[in-house]
């Protein structure tokens, strides 16, 4: 059975977020990252990691701090 819509590849932002979460797994949980980023739910972080939700622009700086990465770089990836 074919899908009614094409599957899009993950964005570079989603790949980057996923990689940073993986790199930090020995330091903090996804729930801690979501809380530090000011996200209401861990599900939102999971959806950003999978590329099914966009990163809210007003959360980029907090998310970058939680992911211990450069906010400018994350912002540029988010805008792509």
C-alpha atoms as a PDB file:
ATOM      1  CA  UNK A   1       0.000   0.000   0.000  1.00  0.00           C
ATOM      2  CA  UNK A   2       1.459   3.363  -0.981  1.00  0.00           C
ATOM      3  CA  UNK A   3       1.471   6.460   1.204  1.00  0.00           C
ATOM      4  CA  UNK A   4      -0.809   9.326   0.176  1.00  0.00           C
ATOM      5  CA  UNK A   5       2.037  11.759   0.787  1.00  0.00           C
ATOM      6  CA  UNK A   6       5.784  11.598   0.186  1.00  0.00           C
ATOM      7  CA  UNK A   7       8.127  11.131   3.131  1.00  0.00           C
ATOM      8  CA  UNK A   8      10.423  14.115   3.469  1.00  0.00           C
ATOM      9  CA  UNK A   9      13.954  13.710   4.768  1.00  0.00           C
ATOM     10  CA  UNK A  10      14.722  15.251   8.164  1.00  0.00           C
ATOM     11  CA  UNK A  11      15.962  18.821   8.137  1.00  0.00           C
ATOM     12  CA  UNK A  12      19.499  19.725   9.080  1.00  0.00           C
ATOM     13  CA  UNK A  13      18.121  21.317  12.262  1.00  0.00           C
ATOM     14  CA  UNK A  14      16.385  18.055  13.230  1.00  0.00           C
ATOM     15  CA  UNK A  15      19.557  16.069  12.558  1.00  0.00           C
ATOM     16  CA  UNK A  16      21.618  18.521  14.623  1.00  0.00           C
ATOM     17  CA  UNK A  17      19.183  18.489  17.570  1.00  0.00           C
ATOM     18  CA  UNK A  18      19.090  14.694  17.477  1.00  0.00           C
ATOM     19  CA  UNK A  19      22.888  14.491  17.472  1.00  0.00           C
ATOM     20  CA  UNK A  20      23.233  16.970  20.366  1.00  0.00           C
ATOM     21  CA  UNK A  21      20.671  15.039  22.438  1.00  0.00           C
ATOM     22  CA  UNK A  22      22.619  11.854  21.766  1.00  0.00           C
ATOM     23  CA  UNK A  23      25.922  13.529  22.683  1.00  0.00           C
ATOM     24  CA  UNK A  24      24.458  14.784  25.975  1.00  0.00           C
ATOM     25  CA  UNK A  25      22.692  11.581  27.014  1.00  0.00           C
ATOM     26  CA  UNK A  26      25.287  10.859  29.699  1.00  0.00           C
ATOM     27  CA  UNK A  27      24.843  14.367  31.145  1.00  0.00           C
ATOM     28  CA  UNK A  28      21.080  15.032  31.013  1.00  0.00           C
ATOM     29  CA  UNK A  29      17.825  13.423  29.984  1.00  0.00           C
ATOM     30  CA  UNK A  30      15.536  14.593  27.199  1.00  0.00           C
ATOM     31  CA  UNK A  31      13.066  15.696  29.860  1.00  0.00           C
ATOM     32  CA  UNK A  32      15.756  17.891  31.463  1.00  0.00           C
ATOM     33  CA  UNK A  33      16.635  19.363  28.066  1.00  0.00           C
ATOM     34  CA  UNK A  34      12.959  20.095  27.353  1.00  0.00           C
ATOM     35  CA  UNK A  35      12.545  21.735  30.763  1.00  0.00           C
ATOM     36  CA  UNK A  36      15.690  23.853  30.375  1.00  0.00           C
ATOM     37  CA  UNK A  37      14.527  24.926  26.910  1.00  0.00           C
ATOM     38  CA  UNK A  38      11.182  26.041  28.324  1.00  0.00           C
ATOM     39  CA  UNK A  39       9.174  23.502  26.334  1.00  0.00           C
ATOM     40  CA  UNK A  40       5.822  22.464  27.786  1.00  0.00           C
ATOM     41  CA  UNK A  41       6.333  18.811  26.980  1.00  0.00           C
ATOM     42  CA  UNK A  42       9.053  16.331  26.170  1.00  0.00           C
ATOM     43  CA  UNK A  43       6.917  15.369  23.167  1.00  0.00           C
ATOM     44  CA  UNK A  44       7.678  18.717  21.548  1.00  0.00           C
ATOM     45  CA  UNK A  45      11.408  18.028  21.839  1.00  0.00           C
ATOM     46  CA  UNK A  46      10.896  14.558  20.364  1.00  0.00           C
ATOM     47  CA  UNK A  47       8.939  16.007  17.434  1.00  0.00           C
ATOM     48  CA  UNK A  48      11.688  18.591  16.775  1.00  0.00           C
ATOM     49  CA  UNK A  49      14.283  15.801  16.913  1.00  0.00           C
ATOM     50  CA  UNK A  50      12.315  13.727  14.395  1.00  0.00           C
ATOM     51  CA  UNK A  51      11.634  16.722  12.148  1.00  0.00           C
ATOM     52  CA  UNK A  52       7.856  16.602  12.503  1.00  0.00           C
ATOM     53  CA  UNK A  53       7.729  19.946  14.349  1.00  0.00           C
ATOM     54  CA  UNK A  54       9.616  23.144  13.712  1.00  0.00           C
ATOM     55  CA  UNK A  55      11.730  24.762  16.396  1.00  0.00           C
ATOM     56  CA  UNK A  56       9.865  27.814  17.741  1.00  0.00           C
ATOM     57  CA  UNK A  57      12.078  30.827  17.055  1.00  0.00           C
ATOM     58  CA  UNK A  58      11.466  32.217  20.538  1.00  0.00           C
ATOM     59  CA  UNK A  59      12.895  28.999  22.053  1.00  0.00           C
ATOM     60  CA  UNK A  60      16.123  28.826  20.000  1.00  0.00           C
ATOM     61  CA  UNK A  61      18.356  30.547  22.560  1.00  0.00           C
ATOM     62  CA  UNK A  62      17.024  28.490  25.482  1.00  0.00           C
ATOM     63  CA  UNK A  63      17.197  25.275  23.439  1.00  0.00           C
ATOM     64  CA  UNK A  64      20.779  26.047  22.441  1.00  0.00           C
ATOM     65  CA  UNK A  65      21.697  26.567  26.099  1.00  0.00           C
ATOM     66  CA  UNK A  66      20.032  23.268  27.027  1.00  0.00           C
ATOM     67  CA  UNK A  67      21.849  21.498  24.177  1.00  0.00           C
ATOM     68  CA  UNK A  68      25.140  23.247  25.031  1.00  0.00           C
ATOM     69  CA  UNK A  69      25.597  24.568  21.510  1.00  0.00           C
ATOM     70  CA  UNK A  70      26.003  27.884  19.704  1.00  0.00           C
ATOM     71  CA  UNK A  71      22.636  29.692  19.497  1.00  0.00           C
ATOM     72  CA  UNK A  72      23.623  31.397  16.243  1.00  0.00           C
ATOM     73  CA  UNK A  73      24.320  28.070  14.578  1.00  0.00           C
ATOM     74  CA  UNK A  74      21.055  26.551  15.808  1.00  0.00           C
ATOM     75  CA  UNK A  75      19.166  29.662  14.695  1.00  0.00           C
ATOM     76  CA  UNK A  76      20.637  29.453  11.184  1.00  0.00           C
ATOM     77  CA  UNK A  77      19.737  25.764  10.927  1.00  0.00           C
ATOM     78  CA  UNK A  78      16.222  26.515  12.149  1.00  0.00           C
ATOM     79  CA  UNK A  79      15.734  29.150   9.453  1.00  0.00           C
ATOM     80  CA  UNK A  80      16.719  26.790   6.614  1.00  0.00           C
END
